[in-house]
Amino acid sequence: QVLRKSLQRGVVLSTGAFLVYEAHKLISGFAVVHASFKVEEVIEQADYLYGSGETEKLYRLLVQHKNSDDAELLWRLARASRDLAQLSSTSAEEKKQLAYGALEYAKKALEKNESNSAAHKWYGICLSDVGDFEGIKTKIGNAFVIKEHFQKAIELNPKDATTIHLIGIWCYTFAEMPWYQRKIAATLFASPPTSTFQEALRYFHMAEEADPNFYSKNLLFLGKTYLKLNNKKMALLWLSKAKEYPAHTEEDKQVQKEALELLNSM
């Protein structure tokens, strides 16, 4: 029956050759399915570890796949590298290496899939981190690119509260920029990036509307922005929420500490 089907397709093969050919197809097909399944399995494990706050385990899992061509794996590796760099236990030299590594992984994720919202988001975040090591000129120059990637991420995924929050941070940063940095920026760039606290506030509220109570830092910055706008009543409301937010991560603990200090200063 095998030979008859083979001849019906117009293929003249010996019995042995045909069996080898069919076996090769079967193995190749299995390999493709297995590879696809493995990627999905790693992503599932990674998301579980991320949700559990297992930063170091997550990085060790994903760094094994740094040569992957899968954008979903690569942006998660960029995030894990960046999260590991943020830990207080990570040395200054390791922070720098991890920051530059994270940027490379995010860049590669974008190269593999320009339509991936998370890849744009993490490229913007990682580019901002690297600016901390390269001085004010580079940081300000990168600001335009960073905002473009955040905006592209929102365009691809309008419900992503984290990216909306990040544009709020971008606005807050340039609204708060000291006068001497503004002077440097004006010298270096014909049209340096600018923003206002009102604009930052709008994005922080948009983030809350997209996903209420999703992130301790968004609550904190709502409070901080209201303080900048001299609205102590609303600042008290949001800083209290930030202080009471359950501390699942090291960042949450830092947010609680800062919120408490600001409340005490009021």
C-alpha atoms as a PDB file:
ATOM      1  CA  GLN A   1       0.000   0.000   0.000  1.00  0.00           C
ATOM      2  CA  VAL A   2       2.888   2.327   0.802  1.00  0.00           C
ATOM      3  CA  LEU A   3       4.515   1.687  -2.577  1.00  0.00           C
ATOM      4  CA  ARG A   4       1.206   1.994  -4.420  1.00  0.00           C
ATOM      5  CA  LYS A   5       0.525   5.401  -2.825  1.00  0.00           C
ATOM      6  CA  SER A   6       4.052   6.449  -3.624  1.00  0.00           C
ATOM      7  CA  LEU A   7       3.686   5.486  -7.294  1.00  0.00           C
ATOM      8  CA  GLN A   8       0.317   7.227  -7.473  1.00  0.00           C
ATOM      9  CA  ARG A   9       2.119  10.457  -6.531  1.00  0.00           C
ATOM     10  CA  GLY A  10       4.512   9.818  -9.384  1.00  0.00           C
ATOM     11  CA  VAL A  11       7.470   9.147  -7.117  1.00  0.00           C
ATOM     12  CA  VAL A  12       9.623   6.132  -7.987  1.00  0.00           C
ATOM     13  CA  LEU A  13      11.350   4.929  -4.837  1.00  0.00           C
ATOM     14  CA  SER A  14      12.604   1.618  -3.597  1.00  0.00           C
ATOM     15  CA  THR A  15      10.902   0.224  -0.517  1.00  0.00           C
ATOM     16  CA  GLY A  16      13.933   1.009   1.654  1.00  0.00           C
ATOM     17  CA  ALA A  17      14.407   4.515   0.297  1.00  0.00           C
ATOM     18  CA  PHE A  18      10.748   5.334   0.747  1.00  0.00           C
ATOM     19  CA  LEU A  19      10.754   4.182   4.373  1.00  0.00           C
ATOM     20  CA  VAL A  20      13.837   6.300   5.077  1.00  0.00           C
ATOM     21  CA  TYR A  21      12.140   9.271   3.399  1.00  0.00           C
ATOM     22  CA  GLU A  22       8.940   8.854   5.426  1.00  0.00           C
ATOM     23  CA  ALA A  23      10.907   8.371   8.655  1.00  0.00           C
ATOM     24  CA  HIS A  24      12.842  11.571   7.959  1.00  0.00           C
ATOM     25  CA  LYS A  25       9.596  13.491   7.430  1.00  0.00           C
ATOM     26  CA  LEU A  26       8.180  12.106  10.663  1.00  0.00           C
ATOM     27  CA  ILE A  27      11.294  12.982  12.687  1.00  0.00           C
ATOM     28  CA  SER A  28      11.538  16.447  11.136  1.00  0.00           C
ATOM     29  CA  GLY A  29       7.882  17.122  11.868  1.00  0.00           C
ATOM     30  CA  PHE A  30       8.312  15.950  15.436  1.00  0.00           C
ATOM     31  CA  ALA A  31      11.356  18.190  15.877  1.00  0.00           C
ATOM     32  CA  VAL A  32       9.406  21.254  14.743  1.00  0.00           C
ATOM     33  CA  VAL A  33       6.465  20.466  17.023  1.00  0.00           C
ATOM     34  CA  HIS A  34       8.817  19.692  19.898  1.00  0.00           C
ATOM     35  CA  ALA A  35      10.733  22.974  19.439  1.00  0.00           C
ATOM     36  CA  SER A  36       7.485  24.923  19.377  1.00  0.00           C
ATOM     37  CA  PHE A  37       6.244  23.139  22.465  1.00  0.00           C
ATOM     38  CA  LYS A  38       9.513  23.794  24.273  1.00  0.00           C
ATOM     39  CA  VAL A  39       9.305  27.554  23.709  1.00  0.00           C
ATOM     40  CA  GLU A  40       5.759  27.625  25.051  1.00  0.00           C
ATOM     41  CA  GLU A  41       6.839  25.550  28.041  1.00  0.00           C
ATOM     42  CA  VAL A  42       9.751  27.881  28.862  1.00  0.00           C
ATOM     43  CA  ILE A  43       7.474  30.924  28.575  1.00  0.00           C
ATOM     44  CA  GLU A  44       4.959  29.281  30.912  1.00  0.00           C
ATOM     45  CA  GLN A  45       7.712  28.544  33.459  1.00  0.00           C
ATOM     46  CA  ALA A  46       9.077  32.078  33.085  1.00  0.00           C
ATOM     47  CA  ASP A  47       5.706  33.704  33.693  1.00  0.00           C
ATOM     48  CA  TYR A  48       5.187  31.573  36.786  1.00  0.00           C
ATOM     49  CA  LEU A  49       8.599  32.576  38.200  1.00  0.00           C
ATOM     50  CA  TYR A  50       7.976  36.238  37.365  1.00  0.00           C
ATOM     51  CA  GLY A  51       4.620  36.147  39.138  1.00  0.00           C
ATOM     52  CA  SER A  52       6.292  34.517  42.139  1.00  0.00           C
ATOM     53  CA  GLY A  53       9.010  37.182  42.336  1.00  0.00           C
ATOM     54  CA  GLU A  54      11.773  34.635  41.715  1.00  0.00           C
ATOM     55  CA  THR A  55      14.061  37.092  39.922  1.00  0.00           C
ATOM     56  CA  GLU A  56      17.322  35.121  40.022  1.00  0.00           C
ATOM     57  CA  LYS A  57      15.717  31.787  39.077  1.00  0.00           C
ATOM     58  CA  LEU A  58      13.873  33.499  36.233  1.00  0.00           C
ATOM     59  CA  TYR A  59      17.088  34.986  34.854  1.00  0.00           C
ATOM     60  CA  ARG A  60      18.913  31.635  35.068  1.00  0.00           C
ATOM     61  CA  LEU A  61      16.068  29.956  33.187  1.00  0.00           C
ATOM     62  CA  LEU A  62      15.862  32.511  30.385  1.00  0.00           C
ATOM     63  CA  VAL A  63      19.560  33.257  29.866  1.00  0.00           C
ATOM     64  CA  GLN A  64      19.930  29.679  28.602  1.00  0.00           C
ATOM     65  CA  HIS A  65      17.816  30.814  25.624  1.00  0.00           C
ATOM     66  CA  LYS A  66      19.672  34.052  24.841  1.00  0.00           C
ATOM     67  CA  ASN A  67      20.349  32.843  21.287  1.00  0.00           C
ATOM     68  CA  SER A  68      16.656  32.177  20.638  1.00  0.00           C
ATOM     69  CA  ASP A  69      14.875  33.722  17.658  1.00  0.00           C
ATOM     70  CA  ASP A  70      11.607  33.981  19.597  1.00  0.00           C
ATOM     71  CA  ALA A  71      10.659  37.572  20.453  1.00  0.00           C
ATOM     72  CA  GLU A  72       8.479  36.442  23.377  1.00  0.00           C
ATOM     73  CA  LEU A  73      11.442  34.726  25.017  1.00  0.00           C
ATOM     74  CA  LEU A  74      13.839  37.565  24.253  1.00  0.00           C
ATOM     75  CA  TRP A  75      11.790  40.411  25.723  1.00  0.00           C
ATOM     76  CA  ARG A  76      11.216  38.330  28.833  1.00  0.00           C
ATOM     77  CA  LEU A  77      14.990  37.830  29.090  1.00  0.00           C
ATOM     78  CA  ALA A  78      15.473  41.597  28.721  1.00  0.00           C
ATOM     79  CA  ARG A  79      12.995  42.140  31.560  1.00  0.00           C
ATOM     80  CA  ALA A  80      14.621  39.481  33.755  1.00  0.00           C
ATOM     81  CA  SER A  81      18.087  40.973  33.170  1.00  0.00           C
ATOM     82  CA  ARG A  82      16.812  44.407  34.050  1.00  0.00           C
ATOM     83  CA  ASP A  83      15.003  43.159  37.175  1.00  0.00           C
ATOM     84  CA  LEU A  84      18.169  41.392  38.354  1.00  0.00           C
ATOM     85  CA  ALA A  85      20.138  44.611  37.827  1.00  0.00           C
ATOM     86  CA  GLN A  86      17.643  46.470  40.044  1.00  0.00           C
ATOM     87  CA  LEU A  87      18.224  44.222  43.071  1.00  0.00           C
ATOM     88  CA  SER A  88      20.153  45.846  45.934  1.00  0.00           C
ATOM     89  CA  SER A  89      22.303  42.708  46.208  1.00  0.00           C
ATOM     90  CA  THR A  90      23.629  43.158  42.660  1.00  0.00           C
ATOM     91  CA  SER A  91      27.050  44.848  42.464  1.00  0.00           C
ATOM     92  CA  ALA A  92      27.616  48.060  40.506  1.00  0.00           C
ATOM     93  CA  GLU A  93      29.621  46.271  37.807  1.00  0.00           C
ATOM     94  CA  GLU A  94      27.008  43.542  37.463  1.00  0.00           C
ATOM     95  CA  LYS A  95      24.258  46.169  37.199  1.00  0.00           C
ATOM     96  CA  LYS A  96      26.056  47.752  34.251  1.00  0.00           C
ATOM     97  CA  GLN A  97      26.636  44.422  32.481  1.00  0.00           C
ATOM     98  CA  LEU A  98      23.037  43.365  33.012  1.00  0.00           C
ATOM     99  CA  ALA A  99      21.709  46.727  31.791  1.00  0.00           C
ATOM    100  CA  TYR A 100      23.637  46.533  28.518  1.00  0.00           C
ATOM    101  CA  GLY A 101      22.743  42.852  28.138  1.00  0.00           C
ATOM    102  CA  ALA A 102      19.056  43.652  28.652  1.00  0.00           C
ATOM    103  CA  LEU A 103      19.211  46.302  25.917  1.00  0.00           C
ATOM    104  CA  GLU A 104      20.736  43.802  23.475  1.00  0.00           C
ATOM    105  CA  TYR A 105      18.036  41.215  24.205  1.00  0.00           C
ATOM    106  CA  ALA A 106      15.268  43.808  23.772  1.00  0.00           C
ATOM    107  CA  LYS A 107      16.841  45.018  20.524  1.00  0.00           C
ATOM    108  CA  LYS A 108      16.993  41.458  19.228  1.00  0.00           C
ATOM    109  CA  ALA A 109      13.344  40.885  20.219  1.00  0.00           C
ATOM    110  CA  LEU A 110      12.371  43.918  18.132  1.00  0.00           C
ATOM    111  CA  GLU A 111      14.425  42.692  15.181  1.00  0.00           C
ATOM    112  CA  LYS A 112      12.582  39.367  15.329  1.00  0.00           C
ATOM    113  CA  ASN A 113       9.117  40.932  15.635  1.00  0.00           C
ATOM    114  CA  GLU A 114       8.510  44.672  15.231  1.00  0.00           C
ATOM    115  CA  SER A 115       4.811  44.138  15.956  1.00  0.00           C
ATOM    116  CA  ASN A 116       5.486  42.910  19.485  1.00  0.00           C
ATOM    117  CA  SER A 117       4.205  45.503  21.959  1.00  0.00           C
ATOM    118  CA  ALA A 118       6.252  44.203  24.889  1.00  0.00           C
ATOM    119  CA  ALA A 119       9.458  44.284  22.829  1.00  0.00           C
ATOM    120  CA  HIS A 120       8.926  48.005  22.167  1.00  0.00           C
ATOM    121  CA  LYS A 121       8.171  48.624  25.835  1.00  0.00           C
ATOM    122  CA  TRP A 122      11.249  46.841  27.131  1.00  0.00           C
ATOM    123  CA  TYR A 123      13.505  48.349  24.491  1.00  0.00           C
ATOM    124  CA  GLY A 124      12.417  51.788  25.717  1.00  0.00           C
ATOM    125  CA  ILE A 125      12.970  50.840  29.377  1.00  0.00           C
ATOM    126  CA  CYS A 126      16.381  49.284  28.746  1.00  0.00           C
ATOM    127  CA  LEU A 127      17.532  52.197  26.583  1.00  0.00           C
ATOM    128  CA  SER A 128      16.640  54.536  29.437  1.00  0.00           C
ATOM    129  CA  ASP A 129      18.640  52.404  31.905  1.00  0.00           C
ATOM    130  CA  VAL A 130      21.741  52.446  29.701  1.00  0.00           C
ATOM    131  CA  GLY A 131      21.523  56.247  29.579  1.00  0.00           C
ATOM    132  CA  ASP A 132      22.352  56.295  33.287  1.00  0.00           C
ATOM    133  CA  PHE A 133      25.848  55.042  32.398  1.00  0.00           C
ATOM    134  CA  GLU A 134      26.440  57.331  29.426  1.00  0.00           C
ATOM    135  CA  GLY A 135      25.822  60.852  30.695  1.00  0.00           C
ATOM    136  CA  ILE A 136      23.246  63.593  30.319  1.00  0.00           C
ATOM    137  CA  LYS A 137      23.783  64.184  26.587  1.00  0.00           C
ATOM    138  CA  THR A 138      23.057  60.554  25.658  1.00  0.00           C
ATOM    139  CA  LYS A 139      20.172  60.302  28.121  1.00  0.00           C
ATOM    140  CA  ILE A 140      18.419  63.364  26.717  1.00  0.00           C
ATOM    141  CA  GLY A 141      19.168  62.309  23.134  1.00  0.00           C
ATOM    142  CA  ASN A 142      17.677  58.874  23.772  1.00  0.00           C
ATOM    143  CA  ALA A 143      14.553  60.382  25.355  1.00  0.00           C
ATOM    144  CA  PHE A 144      12.858  60.988  22.021  1.00  0.00           C
ATOM    145  CA  VAL A 145      13.495  57.389  20.902  1.00  0.00           C
ATOM    146  CA  ILE A 146      12.302  56.017  24.235  1.00  0.00           C
ATOM    147  CA  LYS A 147       9.005  57.878  24.059  1.00  0.00           C
ATOM    148  CA  GLU A 148       8.477  56.736  20.443  1.00  0.00           C
ATOM    149  CA  HIS A 149       8.840  53.097  21.489  1.00  0.00           C
ATOM    150  CA  PHE A 150       6.460  53.550  24.424  1.00  0.00           C
ATOM    151  CA  GLN A 151       3.906  55.158  22.118  1.00  0.00           C
ATOM    152  CA  LYS A 152       4.309  52.329  19.605  1.00  0.00           C
ATOM    153  CA  ALA A 153       3.797  49.789  22.408  1.00  0.00           C
ATOM    154  CA  ILE A 154       0.524  51.494  23.389  1.00  0.00           C
ATOM    155  CA  GLU A 155      -0.564  51.647  19.755  1.00  0.00           C
ATOM    156  CA  LEU A 156      -0.080  47.866  19.544  1.00  0.00           C
ATOM    157  CA  ASN A 157      -1.630  47.234  22.978  1.00  0.00           C
ATOM    158  CA  PRO A 158      -3.814  50.153  24.176  1.00  0.00           C
ATOM    159  CA  LYS A 159      -4.731  48.376  27.432  1.00  0.00           C
ATOM    160  CA  ASP A 160      -1.135  48.028  28.664  1.00  0.00           C
ATOM    161  CA  ALA A 161      -1.274  50.079  31.856  1.00  0.00           C
ATOM    162  CA  THR A 162       2.451  49.696  32.533  1.00  0.00           C
ATOM    163  CA  THR A 163       3.465  51.393  29.301  1.00  0.00           C
ATOM    164  CA  ILE A 164       0.973  54.224  29.885  1.00  0.00           C
ATOM    165  CA  HIS A 165       2.563  54.620  33.335  1.00  0.00           C
ATOM    166  CA  LEU A 166       6.009  54.774  31.722  1.00  0.00           C
ATOM    167  CA  ILE A 167       5.004  57.674  29.495  1.00  0.00           C
ATOM    168  CA  GLY A 168       3.794  59.354  32.694  1.00  0.00           C
ATOM    169  CA  ILE A 169       7.258  58.790  34.202  1.00  0.00           C
ATOM    170  CA  TRP A 170       8.816  60.243  31.059  1.00  0.00           C
ATOM    171  CA  CYS A 171       6.651  63.363  31.403  1.00  0.00           C
ATOM    172  CA  TYR A 172       7.328  63.665  35.145  1.00  0.00           C
ATOM    173  CA  THR A 173      11.093  63.374  34.604  1.00  0.00           C
ATOM    174  CA  PHE A 174      11.242  66.216  32.096  1.00  0.00           C
ATOM    175  CA  ALA A 175       8.784  68.351  34.064  1.00  0.00           C
ATOM    176  CA  GLU A 176      11.072  67.974  37.095  1.00  0.00           C
ATOM    177  CA  MET A 177      14.338  68.517  35.206  1.00  0.00           C
ATOM    178  CA  PRO A 178      16.591  71.014  37.078  1.00  0.00           C
ATOM    179  CA  TRP A 179      17.304  74.348  35.398  1.00  0.00           C
ATOM    180  CA  TYR A 180      20.986  73.554  34.737  1.00  0.00           C
ATOM    181  CA  GLN A 181      20.035  70.359  32.884  1.00  0.00           C
ATOM    182  CA  ARG A 182      17.486  72.306  30.867  1.00  0.00           C
ATOM    183  CA  LYS A 183      20.267  74.728  29.951  1.00  0.00           C
ATOM    184  CA  ILE A 184      22.507  71.854  28.841  1.00  0.00           C
ATOM    185  CA  ALA A 185      19.634  70.321  26.866  1.00  0.00           C
ATOM    186  CA  ALA A 186      18.915  73.616  25.114  1.00  0.00           C
ATOM    187  CA  THR A 187      22.592  73.902  24.182  1.00  0.00           C
ATOM    188  CA  LEU A 188      22.789  70.362  22.811  1.00  0.00           C
ATOM    189  CA  PHE A 189      19.417  70.117  21.084  1.00  0.00           C
ATOM    190  CA  ALA A 190      17.432  72.625  19.039  1.00  0.00           C
ATOM    191  CA  SER A 191      14.183  71.266  20.539  1.00  0.00           C
ATOM    192  CA  PRO A 192      14.942  69.396  23.787  1.00  0.00           C
ATOM    193  CA  PRO A 193      12.235  67.200  25.318  1.00  0.00           C
ATOM    194  CA  THR A 194       9.836  69.030  27.636  1.00  0.00           C
ATOM    195  CA  SER A 195       6.692  68.193  29.578  1.00  0.00           C
ATOM    196  CA  THR A 196       4.513  69.294  32.515  1.00  0.00           C
ATOM    197  CA  PHE A 197       3.274  67.739  35.738  1.00  0.00           C
ATOM    198  CA  GLN A 198      -0.289  68.075  34.430  1.00  0.00           C
ATOM    199  CA  GLU A 199       0.614  65.893  31.455  1.00  0.00           C
ATOM    200  CA  ALA A 200       2.292  63.334  33.710  1.00  0.00           C
ATOM    201  CA  LEU A 201      -0.781  63.249  35.952  1.00  0.00           C
ATOM    202  CA  ARG A 202      -3.020  62.571  32.968  1.00  0.00           C
ATOM    203  CA  TYR A 203      -0.996  59.487  32.008  1.00  0.00           C
ATOM    204  CA  PHE A 204      -0.865  58.153  35.578  1.00  0.00           C
ATOM    205  CA  HIS A 205      -4.663  58.411  35.792  1.00  0.00           C
ATOM    206  CA  MET A 206      -5.027  56.780  32.367  1.00  0.00           C
ATOM    207  CA  ALA A 207      -2.921  53.879  33.640  1.00  0.00           C
ATOM    208  CA  GLU A 208      -5.188  53.463  36.675  1.00  0.00           C
ATOM    209  CA  GLU A 209      -8.246  53.523  34.433  1.00  0.00           C
ATOM    210  CA  ALA A 210      -6.740  50.807  32.216  1.00  0.00           C
ATOM    211  CA  ASP A 211      -5.924  48.567  35.204  1.00  0.00           C
ATOM    212  CA  PRO A 212      -6.864  49.863  38.683  1.00  0.00           C
ATOM    213  CA  ASN A 213      -4.326  49.304  41.469  1.00  0.00           C
ATOM    214  CA  PHE A 214      -2.007  47.424  39.090  1.00  0.00           C
ATOM    215  CA  TYR A 215       1.306  48.870  40.282  1.00  0.00           C
ATOM    216  CA  SER A 216       2.527  50.388  43.526  1.00  0.00           C
ATOM    217  CA  LYS A 217       4.765  52.872  41.716  1.00  0.00           C
ATOM    218  CA  ASN A 218       1.847  54.351  39.764  1.00  0.00           C
ATOM    219  CA  LEU A 219       0.079  55.071  43.058  1.00  0.00           C
ATOM    220  CA  LEU A 220       3.262  56.647  44.410  1.00  0.00           C
ATOM    221  CA  PHE A 221       3.705  58.903  41.383  1.00  0.00           C
ATOM    222  CA  LEU A 222       0.093  60.003  41.482  1.00  0.00           C
ATOM    223  CA  GLY A 223       0.804  61.179  45.028  1.00  0.00           C
ATOM    224  CA  LYS A 224       4.131  62.787  44.086  1.00  0.00           C
ATOM    225  CA  THR A 225       2.621  64.587  41.104  1.00  0.00           C
ATOM    226  CA  TYR A 226      -0.232  65.975  43.169  1.00  0.00           C
ATOM    227  CA  LEU A 227       2.381  67.228  45.652  1.00  0.00           C
ATOM    228  CA  LYS A 228       4.179  69.016  42.793  1.00  0.00           C
ATOM    229  CA  LEU A 229       0.837  70.604  41.888  1.00  0.00           C
ATOM    230  CA  ASN A 230       0.276  71.635  45.540  1.00  0.00           C
ATOM    231  CA  ASN A 231      -2.852  69.500  45.907  1.00  0.00           C
ATOM    232  CA  LYS A 232      -2.159  68.007  49.342  1.00  0.00           C
ATOM    233  CA  LYS A 233      -5.578  66.422  49.736  1.00  0.00           C
ATOM    234  CA  MET A 234      -5.182  64.251  46.610  1.00  0.00           C
ATOM    235  CA  ALA A 235      -1.507  63.649  47.388  1.00  0.00           C
ATOM    236  CA  LEU A 236      -2.500  62.256  50.792  1.00  0.00           C
ATOM    237  CA  LEU A 237      -5.035  59.930  49.170  1.00  0.00           C
ATOM    238  CA  TRP A 238      -2.624  58.382  46.654  1.00  0.00           C
ATOM    239  CA  LEU A 239       0.424  58.259  48.925  1.00  0.00           C
ATOM    240  CA  SER A 240      -1.674  56.423  51.533  1.00  0.00           C
ATOM    241  CA  LYS A 241      -2.686  53.886  48.875  1.00  0.00           C
ATOM    242  CA  ALA A 242       0.975  53.440  47.902  1.00  0.00           C
ATOM    243  CA  LYS A 243       1.989  52.926  51.545  1.00  0.00           C
ATOM    244  CA  GLU A 244      -0.711  50.281  52.042  1.00  0.00           C
ATOM    245  CA  TYR A 245      -0.008  48.428  48.792  1.00  0.00           C
ATOM    246  CA  PRO A 246       0.993  44.773  49.493  1.00  0.00           C
ATOM    247  CA  ALA A 247       4.766  44.429  49.143  1.00  0.00           C
ATOM    248  CA  HIS A 248       5.357  41.500  46.776  1.00  0.00           C
ATOM    249  CA  THR A 249       8.692  42.738  45.401  1.00  0.00           C
ATOM    250  CA  GLU A 250      11.721  44.703  46.533  1.00  0.00           C
ATOM    251  CA  GLU A 251      10.428  47.642  44.474  1.00  0.00           C
ATOM    252  CA  ASP A 252       7.098  47.535  46.348  1.00  0.00           C
ATOM    253  CA  LYS A 253       9.020  47.801  49.635  1.00  0.00           C
ATOM    254  CA  GLN A 254      10.959  50.798  48.328  1.00  0.00           C
ATOM    255  CA  VAL A 255       7.680  52.407  47.245  1.00  0.00           C
ATOM    256  CA  GLN A 256       6.171  51.868  50.703  1.00  0.00           C
ATOM    257  CA  LYS A 257       9.235  53.456  52.297  1.00  0.00           C
ATOM    258  CA  GLU A 258       9.180  56.520  50.028  1.00  0.00           C
ATOM    259  CA  ALA A 259       5.423  56.954  50.411  1.00  0.00           C
ATOM    260  CA  LEU A 260       5.745  56.847  54.215  1.00  0.00           C
ATOM    261  CA  GLU A 261       8.578  59.418  54.166  1.00  0.00           C
ATOM    262  CA  LEU A 262       6.518  61.773  52.000  1.00  0.00           C
ATOM    263  CA  LEU A 263       3.457  61.359  54.221  1.00  0.00           C
ATOM    264  CA  ASN A 264       5.545  62.130  57.311  1.00  0.00           C
ATOM    265  CA  SER A 265       6.994  65.226  55.611  1.00  0.00           C
ATOM    266  CA  MET A 266       3.461  66.493  54.992  1.00  0.00           C
END
